[in-house]
């Protein structure tokens, strides 16, 4: 083996980490945009630019975190220690593990909802939760929740992970406001049901 080859081998062994790090930093803007372009290219038309911008921001953030973790592993920094520090910070902030899981599940659900063109801003939906249901117009789809405007004008913030796990019916026609008689009948029916449940508990 020639002297030049030996020197090149020694150079690559000593400085390959720096070489890879410089490459990642140089091509970082392009690497960060690739997942967003691939993801958005497969979407259907009719998606608002605001939602696209938020989805692109979330994908860019995830890509950046992955690249940072890969560089840390390349330099021999154990991620276990960073996870311990991160968990401690979450505990100090009062969110603990459950809130961390809820945060990740809501962000993941946001991306999944983004791919479903049936649920978009302006559509009326009925969210079924057992014997109860919630009807409203989708006014906003954020990172953490879906905003629904009910017939009464109330703004309901429905978490993305619950919106994903509940049956959702997309209504072709907006529901009509209930009349006073229907409201009284529903109230009487609910009162009668509660009375029956109370009698069963007493027995």
N, C-alpha and C. Protein backbone atom coordinates (compact mmCIF):
# COMPACT_ATOMS: atom_id res chain seq x y z
N UNK A 1 0.85 -1.19 0.00
CA UNK A 1 0.00 0.00 0.00
C UNK A 1 0.88 1.24 0.00
N UNK A 2 0.57 2.18 -0.85
CA UNK A 2 1.38 3.38 -0.98
C UNK A 2 1.22 4.27 0.25
N UNK A 3 2.16 5.21 0.34
CA UNK A 3 2.13 6.14 1.48
C UNK A 3 0.91 7.05 1.41
N UNK A 4 0.54 7.46 0.19
CA UNK A 4 -0.62 8.33 0.02
C UNK A 4 -1.89 7.63 0.48
N UNK A 5 -2.02 6.35 0.13
CA UNK A 5 -3.20 5.59 0.54
C UNK A 5 -3.27 5.44 2.05
N UNK A 6 -2.12 5.19 2.66
CA UNK A 6 -2.09 5.06 4.12
C UNK A 6 -2.46 6.38 4.80
N UNK A 7 -1.92 7.47 4.26
CA UNK A 7 -2.25 8.77 4.84
C UNK A 7 -3.74 9.10 4.67
N UNK A 8 -4.28 8.75 3.51
CA UNK A 8 -5.70 8.99 3.28
C UNK A 8 -6.56 8.15 4.21
N UNK A 9 -6.15 6.90 4.45
CA UNK A 9 -6.88 6.02 5.37
C UNK A 9 -6.85 6.57 6.79
N UNK A 10 -5.69 7.02 7.21
CA UNK A 10 -5.57 7.60 8.55
C UNK A 10 -6.41 8.88 8.66
N UNK A 11 -6.40 9.66 7.60
CA UNK A 11 -7.16 10.91 7.60
C UNK A 11 -8.66 10.65 7.71
N UNK A 12 -9.14 9.67 6.93
CA UNK A 12 -10.57 9.36 6.97
C UNK A 12 -10.97 8.77 8.32
N UNK A 13 -10.11 7.97 8.93
CA UNK A 13 -10.42 7.40 10.23
C UNK A 13 -10.48 8.47 11.32
N UNK A 14 -9.64 9.47 11.19
CA UNK A 14 -9.57 10.51 12.22
C UNK A 14 -10.62 11.61 12.04
N UNK A 15 -10.97 11.88 10.79
CA UNK A 15 -11.81 13.05 10.53
C UNK A 15 -13.12 12.71 9.83
N UNK A 16 -13.50 11.43 9.77
CA UNK A 16 -14.73 11.10 9.05
C UNK A 16 -15.96 11.67 9.77
N UNK A 17 -15.87 11.77 11.10
CA UNK A 17 -17.00 12.34 11.83
C UNK A 17 -17.21 13.81 11.45
N UNK A 18 -16.09 14.53 11.36
CA UNK A 18 -16.19 15.92 10.95
C UNK A 18 -16.71 16.04 9.52
N UNK A 19 -16.27 15.13 8.66
CA UNK A 19 -16.69 15.16 7.26
C UNK A 19 -18.20 14.95 7.14
N UNK A 20 -18.71 13.93 7.85
CA UNK A 20 -20.15 13.66 7.80
C UNK A 20 -20.95 14.81 8.42
N UNK A 21 -20.43 15.36 9.51
CA UNK A 21 -21.12 16.47 10.17
C UNK A 21 -21.21 17.68 9.26
N UNK A 22 -20.11 17.99 8.57
CA UNK A 22 -20.11 19.13 7.65
C UNK A 22 -21.08 18.89 6.50
N UNK A 23 -21.12 17.66 5.98
CA UNK A 23 -22.05 17.35 4.90
C UNK A 23 -23.50 17.54 5.35
N UNK A 24 -23.81 17.05 6.55
CA UNK A 24 -25.18 17.18 7.06
C UNK A 24 -25.55 18.65 7.24
N UNK A 25 -24.61 19.45 7.76
CA UNK A 25 -24.89 20.87 7.97
C UNK A 25 -25.04 21.62 6.65
N UNK A 26 -24.24 21.23 5.65
CA UNK A 26 -24.31 21.91 4.35
C UNK A 26 -25.63 21.59 3.65
N UNK A 27 -26.01 20.31 3.69
CA UNK A 27 -27.23 19.89 2.99
C UNK A 27 -28.45 19.87 3.91
N UNK A 28 -28.32 20.45 5.10
CA UNK A 28 -29.43 20.43 6.06
C UNK A 28 -30.70 21.09 5.51
N UNK A 29 -30.62 22.27 4.88
CA UNK A 29 -31.87 22.86 4.35
C UNK A 29 -32.59 21.96 3.36
N UNK A 30 -31.83 21.27 2.51
CA UNK A 30 -32.45 20.40 1.52
C UNK A 30 -33.00 19.13 2.19
N UNK A 31 -32.22 18.55 3.12
CA UNK A 31 -32.67 17.34 3.80
C UNK A 31 -33.92 17.59 4.62
N UNK A 32 -34.04 18.78 5.17
CA UNK A 32 -35.20 19.09 6.00
C UNK A 32 -36.47 19.23 5.18
N UNK A 33 -36.35 19.64 3.92
CA UNK A 33 -37.54 19.88 3.10
C UNK A 33 -38.01 18.65 2.35
N UNK A 34 -37.16 17.65 2.21
CA UNK A 34 -37.52 16.47 1.41
C UNK A 34 -38.76 15.76 1.96
N UNK A 35 -38.82 15.41 3.28
CA UNK A 35 -40.02 14.71 3.78
C UNK A 35 -41.30 15.51 3.57
N UNK A 36 -41.23 16.84 3.79
CA UNK A 36 -42.43 17.65 3.61
C UNK A 36 -42.91 17.66 2.17
N UNK A 37 -41.98 17.74 1.21
CA UNK A 37 -42.38 17.73 -0.19
C UNK A 37 -43.00 16.40 -0.59
N UNK A 38 -42.39 15.30 -0.12
CA UNK A 38 -42.93 13.97 -0.44
C UNK A 38 -44.32 13.80 0.16
N UNK A 39 -44.48 14.25 1.41
CA UNK A 39 -45.75 14.11 2.10
C UNK A 39 -46.84 14.94 1.44
N UNK A 40 -46.53 16.19 1.13
CA UNK A 40 -47.54 17.09 0.56
C UNK A 40 -47.85 16.77 -0.89
N UNK A 41 -46.90 16.17 -1.59
CA UNK A 41 -47.14 15.83 -2.99
C UNK A 41 -48.22 14.76 -3.13
N UNK A 42 -48.33 13.90 -2.14
CA UNK A 42 -49.33 12.84 -2.20
C UNK A 42 -50.71 13.25 -1.72
N UNK A 43 -50.86 14.50 -1.29
CA UNK A 43 -52.14 14.95 -0.78
C UNK A 43 -53.06 15.37 -1.93
N UNK A 44 -54.34 15.33 -1.62
CA UNK A 44 -55.34 15.77 -2.59
C UNK A 44 -55.44 17.29 -2.60
N UNK A 45 -56.09 17.80 -3.62
CA UNK A 45 -56.28 19.24 -3.71
C UNK A 45 -57.37 19.68 -2.73
N UNK A 46 -57.43 20.98 -2.50
CA UNK A 46 -58.45 21.52 -1.61
C UNK A 46 -58.00 21.72 -0.19
N UNK A 47 -56.72 21.51 0.10
CA UNK A 47 -56.20 21.70 1.44
C UNK A 47 -55.73 23.14 1.58
N UNK A 48 -56.12 23.77 2.66
CA UNK A 48 -55.79 25.18 2.85
C UNK A 48 -54.29 25.36 3.01
N UNK A 49 -53.74 26.48 2.51
CA UNK A 49 -52.30 26.74 2.66
C UNK A 49 -51.86 26.80 4.12
N UNK A 50 -52.78 27.24 5.01
CA UNK A 50 -52.44 27.32 6.42
C UNK A 50 -52.15 25.94 7.00
N UNK A 51 -52.97 24.95 6.64
CA UNK A 51 -52.74 23.58 7.11
C UNK A 51 -51.47 23.01 6.52
N UNK A 52 -51.21 23.30 5.25
CA UNK A 52 -49.97 22.82 4.63
C UNK A 52 -48.76 23.39 5.34
N UNK A 53 -48.83 24.66 5.70
CA UNK A 53 -47.71 25.29 6.38
C UNK A 53 -47.45 24.65 7.74
N UNK A 54 -48.51 24.36 8.48
CA UNK A 54 -48.33 23.73 9.79
C UNK A 54 -47.81 22.30 9.66
N UNK A 55 -48.33 21.56 8.67
CA UNK A 55 -47.83 20.20 8.46
C UNK A 55 -46.36 20.22 8.05
N UNK A 56 -45.99 21.16 7.19
CA UNK A 56 -44.59 21.29 6.78
C UNK A 56 -43.70 21.65 7.97
N UNK A 57 -44.20 22.52 8.84
CA UNK A 57 -43.43 22.90 10.03
C UNK A 57 -43.21 21.71 10.95
N UNK A 58 -44.26 20.90 11.14
CA UNK A 58 -44.13 19.73 12.01
C UNK A 58 -43.17 18.71 11.43
N UNK A 59 -43.26 18.46 10.11
CA UNK A 59 -42.35 17.51 9.47
C UNK A 59 -40.92 18.01 9.50
N UNK A 60 -40.72 19.30 9.30
CA UNK A 60 -39.36 19.86 9.37
C UNK A 60 -38.78 19.70 10.77
N UNK A 61 -39.61 19.90 11.78
CA UNK A 61 -39.14 19.75 13.16
C UNK A 61 -38.75 18.31 13.45
N UNK A 62 -39.59 17.36 13.01
CA UNK A 62 -39.28 15.94 13.24
C UNK A 62 -38.00 15.55 12.52
N UNK A 63 -37.84 16.00 11.27
CA UNK A 63 -36.62 15.71 10.51
C UNK A 63 -35.39 16.29 11.19
N UNK A 64 -35.51 17.50 11.71
CA UNK A 64 -34.38 18.14 12.40
C UNK A 64 -33.99 17.36 13.65
N UNK A 65 -34.99 16.90 14.40
CA UNK A 65 -34.70 16.12 15.61
C UNK A 65 -34.00 14.82 15.26
N UNK A 66 -34.45 14.16 14.18
CA UNK A 66 -33.83 12.90 13.77
C UNK A 66 -32.38 13.12 13.35
N UNK A 67 -32.12 14.18 12.58
CA UNK A 67 -30.75 14.47 12.15
C UNK A 67 -29.85 14.79 13.34
N UNK A 68 -30.37 15.54 14.31
CA UNK A 68 -29.58 15.86 15.50
C UNK A 68 -29.26 14.60 16.29
N UNK A 69 -30.24 13.71 16.43
CA UNK A 69 -30.00 12.46 17.16
C UNK A 69 -28.96 11.60 16.44
N UNK A 70 -29.02 11.54 15.11
CA UNK A 70 -28.03 10.76 14.35
C UNK A 70 -26.63 11.33 14.52
N UNK A 71 -26.51 12.66 14.50
CA UNK A 71 -25.20 13.27 14.70
C UNK A 71 -24.67 13.02 16.11
N UNK A 72 -25.55 13.06 17.09
CA UNK A 72 -25.13 12.78 18.47
C UNK A 72 -24.65 11.34 18.61
N UNK A 73 -25.36 10.41 17.96
CA UNK A 73 -24.93 9.01 17.99
C UNK A 73 -23.61 8.84 17.26
N UNK A 74 -23.41 9.58 16.17
CA UNK A 74 -22.15 9.50 15.43
C UNK A 74 -20.98 9.93 16.30
N UNK A 75 -21.17 10.94 17.12
CA UNK A 75 -20.11 11.44 17.98
C UNK A 75 -20.01 10.69 19.30
N UNK A 76 -20.77 9.63 19.43
CA UNK A 76 -20.66 8.78 20.62
C UNK A 76 -21.38 9.28 21.84
N UNK A 77 -22.29 10.22 21.66
CA UNK A 77 -23.06 10.72 22.79
C UNK A 77 -24.26 9.82 22.99
N UNK A 78 -24.41 9.28 24.20
CA UNK A 78 -25.50 8.36 24.48
C UNK A 78 -26.81 9.14 24.60
N UNK A 79 -27.80 8.65 23.87
CA UNK A 79 -29.11 9.30 23.92
C UNK A 79 -29.85 8.97 25.21
N UNK A 80 -29.41 7.90 25.89
CA UNK A 80 -30.09 7.53 27.12
C UNK A 80 -29.97 8.64 28.16
N UNK A 81 -28.78 9.21 28.23
CA UNK A 81 -28.58 10.31 29.18
C UNK A 81 -29.43 11.52 28.82
N UNK A 82 -29.54 11.80 27.51
CA UNK A 82 -30.38 12.93 27.09
C UNK A 82 -31.85 12.68 27.39
N UNK A 83 -32.27 11.42 27.25
CA UNK A 83 -33.65 11.09 27.57
C UNK A 83 -33.94 11.26 29.05
N UNK A 84 -32.96 10.89 29.88
CA UNK A 84 -33.13 11.08 31.32
C UNK A 84 -33.26 12.56 31.66
N UNK A 85 -32.41 13.37 31.03
CA UNK A 85 -32.49 14.81 31.27
C UNK A 85 -33.82 15.37 30.78
N UNK A 86 -34.24 14.91 29.58
CA UNK A 86 -35.52 15.37 29.05
C UNK A 86 -36.69 14.97 29.92
N UNK A 87 -36.67 13.72 30.43
CA UNK A 87 -37.74 13.26 31.31
C UNK A 87 -37.78 14.08 32.60
N UNK A 88 -36.60 14.39 33.11
CA UNK A 88 -36.54 15.21 34.33
C UNK A 88 -37.13 16.60 34.08
N UNK A 89 -36.82 17.16 32.91
CA UNK A 89 -37.37 18.48 32.60
C UNK A 89 -38.88 18.42 32.47
N UNK A 90 -39.40 17.36 31.82
CA UNK A 90 -40.85 17.21 31.71
C UNK A 90 -41.49 17.08 33.08
N UNK A 91 -40.83 16.31 33.97
CA UNK A 91 -41.37 16.15 35.32
C UNK A 91 -41.38 17.48 36.07
N UNK A 92 -40.32 18.27 35.90
CA UNK A 92 -40.27 19.57 36.57
C UNK A 92 -41.34 20.50 36.04
N UNK A 93 -41.65 20.38 34.77
CA UNK A 93 -42.69 21.24 34.19
C UNK A 93 -44.10 20.74 34.51
N UNK A 94 -44.19 19.53 35.08
CA UNK A 94 -45.48 19.03 35.54
C UNK A 94 -46.27 18.27 34.50
N UNK A 95 -45.65 17.90 33.39
CA UNK A 95 -46.40 17.18 32.36
C UNK A 95 -46.20 15.68 32.45
N UNK A 96 -45.07 15.23 32.99
CA UNK A 96 -44.77 13.82 33.23
C UNK A 96 -44.94 12.98 31.97
N UNK A 97 -45.06 11.67 32.17
CA UNK A 97 -45.06 10.76 31.02
C UNK A 97 -46.39 10.78 30.27
N UNK A 98 -47.48 10.89 31.01
CA UNK A 98 -48.79 10.83 30.34
C UNK A 98 -48.98 12.00 29.39
N UNK A 99 -48.62 13.18 29.85
CA UNK A 99 -48.76 14.36 28.99
C UNK A 99 -47.82 14.27 27.79
N UNK A 100 -46.62 13.70 28.01
CA UNK A 100 -45.71 13.52 26.88
C UNK A 100 -46.29 12.58 25.85
N UNK A 101 -46.90 11.48 26.32
CA UNK A 101 -47.54 10.55 25.38
C UNK A 101 -48.70 11.22 24.67
N UNK A 102 -49.49 11.99 25.41
CA UNK A 102 -50.63 12.67 24.81
C UNK A 102 -50.17 13.68 23.76
N UNK A 103 -49.07 14.37 24.04
CA UNK A 103 -48.54 15.34 23.08
C UNK A 103 -48.13 14.66 21.79
N UNK A 104 -47.38 13.55 21.90
CA UNK A 104 -46.93 12.84 20.70
C UNK A 104 -48.11 12.25 19.94
N UNK A 105 -49.09 11.71 20.66
CA UNK A 105 -50.24 11.11 19.97
C UNK A 105 -51.06 12.18 19.25
N UNK A 106 -51.18 13.37 19.84
CA UNK A 106 -51.92 14.44 19.18
C UNK A 106 -51.20 14.92 17.92
N UNK A 107 -49.87 15.04 17.99
CA UNK A 107 -49.11 15.46 16.82
C UNK A 107 -49.19 14.42 15.71
N UNK A 108 -49.09 13.13 16.09
CA UNK A 108 -49.20 12.06 15.10
C UNK A 108 -50.60 12.05 14.48
N UNK A 109 -51.61 12.23 15.32
CA UNK A 109 -52.99 12.26 14.81
C UNK A 109 -53.21 13.44 13.88
N UNK A 110 -52.53 14.56 14.13
CA UNK A 110 -52.65 15.72 13.24
C UNK A 110 -52.18 15.37 11.84
N UNK A 111 -51.05 14.65 11.74
CA UNK A 111 -50.56 14.27 10.42
C UNK A 111 -51.50 13.29 9.73
N UNK A 112 -52.06 12.36 10.52
CA UNK A 112 -52.99 11.38 9.93
C UNK A 112 -54.26 12.08 9.46
N UNK A 113 -54.78 12.99 10.27
CA UNK A 113 -55.97 13.74 9.86
C UNK A 113 -55.69 14.60 8.64
N UNK A 114 -54.46 15.06 8.52
CA UNK A 114 -54.09 15.88 7.38
C UNK A 114 -54.22 15.10 6.07
N UNK A 115 -53.94 13.79 6.13
CA UNK A 115 -54.01 12.97 4.92
C UNK A 115 -55.45 12.63 4.54
N UNK A 116 -56.38 12.77 5.48
CA UNK A 116 -57.78 12.44 5.20
C UNK A 116 -58.50 13.70 4.73
N UNK A 117 -58.75 13.75 3.45
CA UNK A 117 -59.35 14.95 2.87
C UNK A 117 -60.83 15.07 3.20
N UNK A 118 -61.44 13.99 3.73
CA UNK A 118 -62.86 14.06 4.06
C UNK A 118 -63.12 15.00 5.23
N UNK A 119 -62.20 15.03 6.18
CA UNK A 119 -62.34 15.91 7.34
C UNK A 119 -61.49 17.15 7.10
N UNK A 120 -62.13 18.21 6.71
CA UNK A 120 -61.40 19.46 6.48
C UNK A 120 -62.24 20.64 6.96
N UNK A 121 -61.64 21.79 6.97
CA UNK A 121 -62.30 22.99 7.48
C UNK A 121 -63.54 23.29 6.64
N UNK A 122 -64.65 23.56 7.31
CA UNK A 122 -65.91 23.85 6.63
C UNK A 122 -66.88 22.70 6.60
N UNK A 123 -66.41 21.48 6.88
CA UNK A 123 -67.28 20.31 6.88
C UNK A 123 -68.01 20.20 8.22
N UNK A 124 -69.27 19.75 8.15
CA UNK A 124 -70.03 19.44 9.35
C UNK A 124 -69.85 17.96 9.68
N UNK A 125 -69.56 17.66 10.92
CA UNK A 125 -69.30 16.28 11.33
C UNK A 125 -70.09 15.97 12.59
N UNK A 126 -70.29 14.67 12.80
CA UNK A 126 -70.90 14.17 14.03
C UNK A 126 -69.92 13.18 14.67
N UNK A 127 -69.43 13.53 15.83
CA UNK A 127 -68.49 12.68 16.56
C UNK A 127 -69.29 11.85 17.55
N UNK A 128 -69.25 10.53 17.39
CA UNK A 128 -70.04 9.62 18.22
C UNK A 128 -69.16 9.10 19.35
N UNK A 129 -69.65 9.26 20.57
CA UNK A 129 -68.93 8.77 21.75
C UNK A 129 -69.91 7.96 22.59
N UNK A 130 -70.02 6.68 22.27
CA UNK A 130 -70.97 5.82 22.97
C UNK A 130 -72.40 6.22 22.64
N UNK A 131 -73.18 6.51 23.69
CA UNK A 131 -74.57 6.92 23.49
C UNK A 131 -74.68 8.41 23.20
N UNK A 132 -73.61 9.13 23.35
CA UNK A 132 -73.62 10.58 23.12
C UNK A 132 -72.96 10.90 21.78
N UNK A 133 -73.24 12.08 21.29
CA UNK A 133 -72.59 12.52 20.06
C UNK A 133 -72.46 14.04 20.09
N UNK A 134 -71.57 14.53 19.26
CA UNK A 134 -71.30 15.96 19.17
C UNK A 134 -71.31 16.36 17.71
N UNK A 135 -72.13 17.34 17.37
CA UNK A 135 -72.22 17.84 16.01
C UNK A 135 -71.65 19.25 15.95
N UNK A 136 -70.90 19.50 14.90
CA UNK A 136 -70.32 20.83 14.76
C UNK A 136 -69.62 20.99 13.42
N UNK A 137 -69.32 22.23 13.10
CA UNK A 137 -68.58 22.55 11.87
C UNK A 137 -67.10 22.69 12.20
N UNK A 138 -66.26 22.04 11.41
CA UNK A 138 -64.82 22.13 11.63
C UNK A 138 -64.36 23.52 11.21
N UNK A 139 -63.87 24.28 12.17
CA UNK A 139 -63.39 25.64 11.89
C UNK A 139 -61.87 25.73 11.88
N UNK A 140 -61.21 24.79 12.51
CA UNK A 140 -59.74 24.82 12.58
C UNK A 140 -59.24 23.43 12.94
N UNK A 141 -58.10 23.06 12.35
CA UNK A 141 -57.45 21.78 12.67
C UNK A 141 -56.02 22.09 13.06
N UNK A 142 -55.77 22.09 14.37
CA UNK A 142 -54.47 22.48 14.88
C UNK A 142 -53.60 21.28 15.23
N UNK A 143 -52.43 21.57 15.79
CA UNK A 143 -51.50 20.51 16.19
C UNK A 143 -52.09 19.62 17.28
N UNK A 144 -52.86 20.23 18.20
CA UNK A 144 -53.31 19.51 19.37
C UNK A 144 -54.79 19.15 19.34
N UNK A 145 -55.62 19.91 18.64
CA UNK A 145 -57.05 19.66 18.69
C UNK A 145 -57.73 20.12 17.41
N UNK A 146 -58.96 19.65 17.26
CA UNK A 146 -59.85 20.06 16.17
C UNK A 146 -60.91 20.98 16.77
N UNK A 147 -61.07 22.15 16.19
CA UNK A 147 -62.05 23.10 16.70
C UNK A 147 -63.37 22.92 15.96
N UNK A 148 -64.43 22.69 16.73
CA UNK A 148 -65.77 22.50 16.19
C UNK A 148 -66.67 23.62 16.68
N UNK A 149 -67.46 24.18 15.77
CA UNK A 149 -68.44 25.21 16.11
C UNK A 149 -69.82 24.55 16.11
N UNK A 150 -70.44 24.46 17.29
CA UNK A 150 -71.73 23.80 17.41
C UNK A 150 -72.86 24.69 16.89
N UNK A 151 -74.07 24.12 16.83
CA UNK A 151 -75.22 24.89 16.36
C UNK A 151 -75.53 26.07 17.28
N UNK A 152 -75.21 25.93 18.55
CA UNK A 152 -75.45 27.00 19.52
C UNK A 152 -74.39 28.09 19.45
N UNK A 153 -73.37 27.89 18.61
CA UNK A 153 -72.30 28.87 18.51
C UNK A 153 -71.15 28.63 19.46
N UNK A 154 -71.22 27.55 20.25
CA UNK A 154 -70.14 27.24 21.18
C UNK A 154 -68.95 26.67 20.43
N UNK A 155 -67.76 26.99 20.91
CA UNK A 155 -66.53 26.49 20.31
C UNK A 155 -66.04 25.31 21.14
N UNK A 156 -65.92 24.16 20.50
CA UNK A 156 -65.50 22.93 21.18
C UNK A 156 -64.12 22.56 20.68
N UNK A 157 -63.19 22.34 21.61
CA UNK A 157 -61.84 21.90 21.27
C UNK A 157 -61.75 20.40 21.52
N UNK A 158 -61.67 19.63 20.43
CA UNK A 158 -61.66 18.17 20.53
C UNK A 158 -60.24 17.68 20.26
N UNK A 159 -59.62 16.97 21.22
CA UNK A 159 -58.23 16.50 21.02
C UNK A 159 -58.10 15.62 19.77
N UNK A 160 -56.99 15.76 19.09
CA UNK A 160 -56.78 15.02 17.84
C UNK A 160 -56.79 13.51 18.06
N UNK A 161 -56.16 13.04 19.15
CA UNK A 161 -56.11 11.59 19.36
C UNK A 161 -57.50 11.02 19.63
N UNK A 162 -58.36 11.77 20.33
CA UNK A 162 -59.73 11.30 20.54
C UNK A 162 -60.55 11.40 19.25
N UNK A 163 -60.30 12.43 18.46
CA UNK A 163 -60.99 12.58 17.18
C UNK A 163 -60.65 11.42 16.25
N UNK A 164 -59.45 10.88 16.38
CA UNK A 164 -59.04 9.75 15.55
C UNK A 164 -59.66 8.44 16.00
N UNK A 165 -59.89 8.28 17.30
CA UNK A 165 -60.36 7.01 17.84
C UNK A 165 -61.88 6.94 17.97
N UNK A 166 -62.58 8.03 17.71
CA UNK A 166 -64.04 8.03 17.76
C UNK A 166 -64.62 7.92 16.35
N UNK A 167 -65.78 7.25 16.22
CA UNK A 167 -66.44 7.26 14.91
C UNK A 167 -66.87 8.67 14.54
N UNK A 168 -66.50 9.10 13.36
CA UNK A 168 -66.81 10.45 12.88
C UNK A 168 -67.65 10.33 11.61
N UNK A 169 -68.82 10.92 11.63
CA UNK A 169 -69.72 10.91 10.48
C UNK A 169 -69.67 12.28 9.82
N UNK A 170 -69.29 12.31 8.54
CA UNK A 170 -69.27 13.57 7.79
C UNK A 170 -70.67 13.81 7.24
N UNK A 171 -71.28 14.89 7.67
CA UNK A 171 -72.67 15.19 7.29
C UNK A 171 -72.72 15.90 5.94
N UNK A 172 -73.61 15.43 5.08
CA UNK A 172 -73.80 16.09 3.79
C UNK A 172 -74.53 17.42 3.94
N UNK A 173 -75.48 17.44 4.87
CA UNK A 173 -76.29 18.64 5.10
C UNK A 173 -76.09 19.09 6.55
N UNK A 174 -75.85 20.36 6.79
CA UNK A 174 -75.71 20.84 8.17
C UNK A 174 -76.97 20.53 8.98
N UNK A 175 -76.84 20.11 10.22
CA UNK A 175 -78.03 19.81 11.04
C UNK A 175 -78.84 21.07 11.32
N UNK A 176 -80.13 20.88 11.47
CA UNK A 176 -81.02 22.01 11.74
C UNK A 176 -81.12 22.24 13.24
N UNK A 177 -81.23 23.50 13.65
CA UNK A 177 -81.38 23.78 15.09
C UNK A 177 -82.65 23.14 15.64
N UNK A 178 -82.58 22.66 16.87
CA UNK A 178 -83.74 22.03 17.49
C UNK A 178 -84.76 23.08 17.91
N UNK A 179 -86.02 22.70 17.76
CA UNK A 179 -87.08 23.60 18.21
C UNK A 179 -87.21 23.51 19.73
N UNK A 180 -88.00 24.42 20.29
CA UNK A 180 -88.18 24.43 21.74
C UNK A 180 -88.86 23.15 22.22
N UNK A 181 -89.82 22.63 21.44
CA UNK A 181 -90.51 21.41 21.84
C UNK A 181 -89.56 20.23 21.87
N UNK A 182 -88.70 20.13 20.84
CA UNK A 182 -87.73 19.03 20.81
C UNK A 182 -86.75 19.14 21.96
N UNK A 183 -86.34 20.36 22.29
CA UNK A 183 -85.41 20.54 23.40
C UNK A 183 -86.04 20.11 24.71
N UNK A 184 -87.35 20.45 24.90
CA UNK A 184 -88.04 20.05 26.13
C UNK A 184 -88.19 18.54 26.19
N UNK A 185 -88.53 17.91 25.04
CA UNK A 185 -88.68 16.46 25.01
C UNK A 185 -87.35 15.77 25.33
N UNK A 186 -86.27 16.26 24.77
CA UNK A 186 -84.97 15.66 25.05
C UNK A 186 -84.61 15.81 26.52
N UNK A 187 -84.91 16.98 27.09
CA UNK A 187 -84.61 17.20 28.50
C UNK A 187 -85.42 16.27 29.38
N UNK A 188 -86.72 16.08 29.04
CA UNK A 188 -87.55 15.16 29.81
C UNK A 188 -87.06 13.73 29.68
N UNK A 189 -86.61 13.34 28.47
CA UNK A 189 -86.11 11.99 28.28
C UNK A 189 -84.85 11.75 29.10
N UNK A 190 -83.96 12.74 29.13
CA UNK A 190 -82.74 12.61 29.93
C UNK A 190 -83.07 12.51 31.40
N UNK A 191 -84.04 13.33 31.86
CA UNK A 191 -84.44 13.30 33.26
C UNK A 191 -85.04 11.95 33.63
N UNK A 192 -85.87 11.39 32.74
CA UNK A 192 -86.47 10.09 33.00
C UNK A 192 -85.41 9.00 33.05
N UNK A 193 -84.43 9.06 32.17
CA UNK A 193 -83.34 8.07 32.17
C UNK A 193 -82.54 8.16 33.46
N UNK A 194 -82.24 9.37 33.90
CA UNK A 194 -81.50 9.52 35.14
C UNK A 194 -82.30 9.01 36.33
N UNK A 195 -83.62 9.21 36.33
CA UNK A 195 -84.46 8.72 37.42
C UNK A 195 -84.47 7.20 37.45
N UNK A 196 -84.54 6.55 36.26
CA UNK A 196 -84.50 5.09 36.21
C UNK A 196 -83.18 4.55 36.73
N UNK A 197 -82.09 5.20 36.34
CA UNK A 197 -80.78 4.76 36.83
C UNK A 197 -80.68 4.91 38.34
N UNK A 198 -81.27 5.97 38.89
CA UNK A 198 -81.23 6.19 40.33
C UNK A 198 -82.05 5.12 41.05
N UNK A 199 -83.21 4.76 40.48
CA UNK A 199 -84.03 3.71 41.09
C UNK A 199 -83.31 2.38 41.10
N UNK A 200 -82.60 2.08 40.02
CA UNK A 200 -81.86 0.82 39.96
C UNK A 200 -80.77 0.78 41.02
N UNK A 201 -80.10 1.91 41.22
CA UNK A 201 -79.05 1.96 42.23
C UNK A 201 -79.62 1.77 43.63
N UNK A 202 -80.81 2.37 43.87
CA UNK A 202 -81.43 2.25 45.18
C UNK A 202 -81.84 0.81 45.45
N UNK A 203 -82.40 0.14 44.42
CA UNK A 203 -82.81 -1.25 44.57
C UNK A 203 -81.60 -2.14 44.78
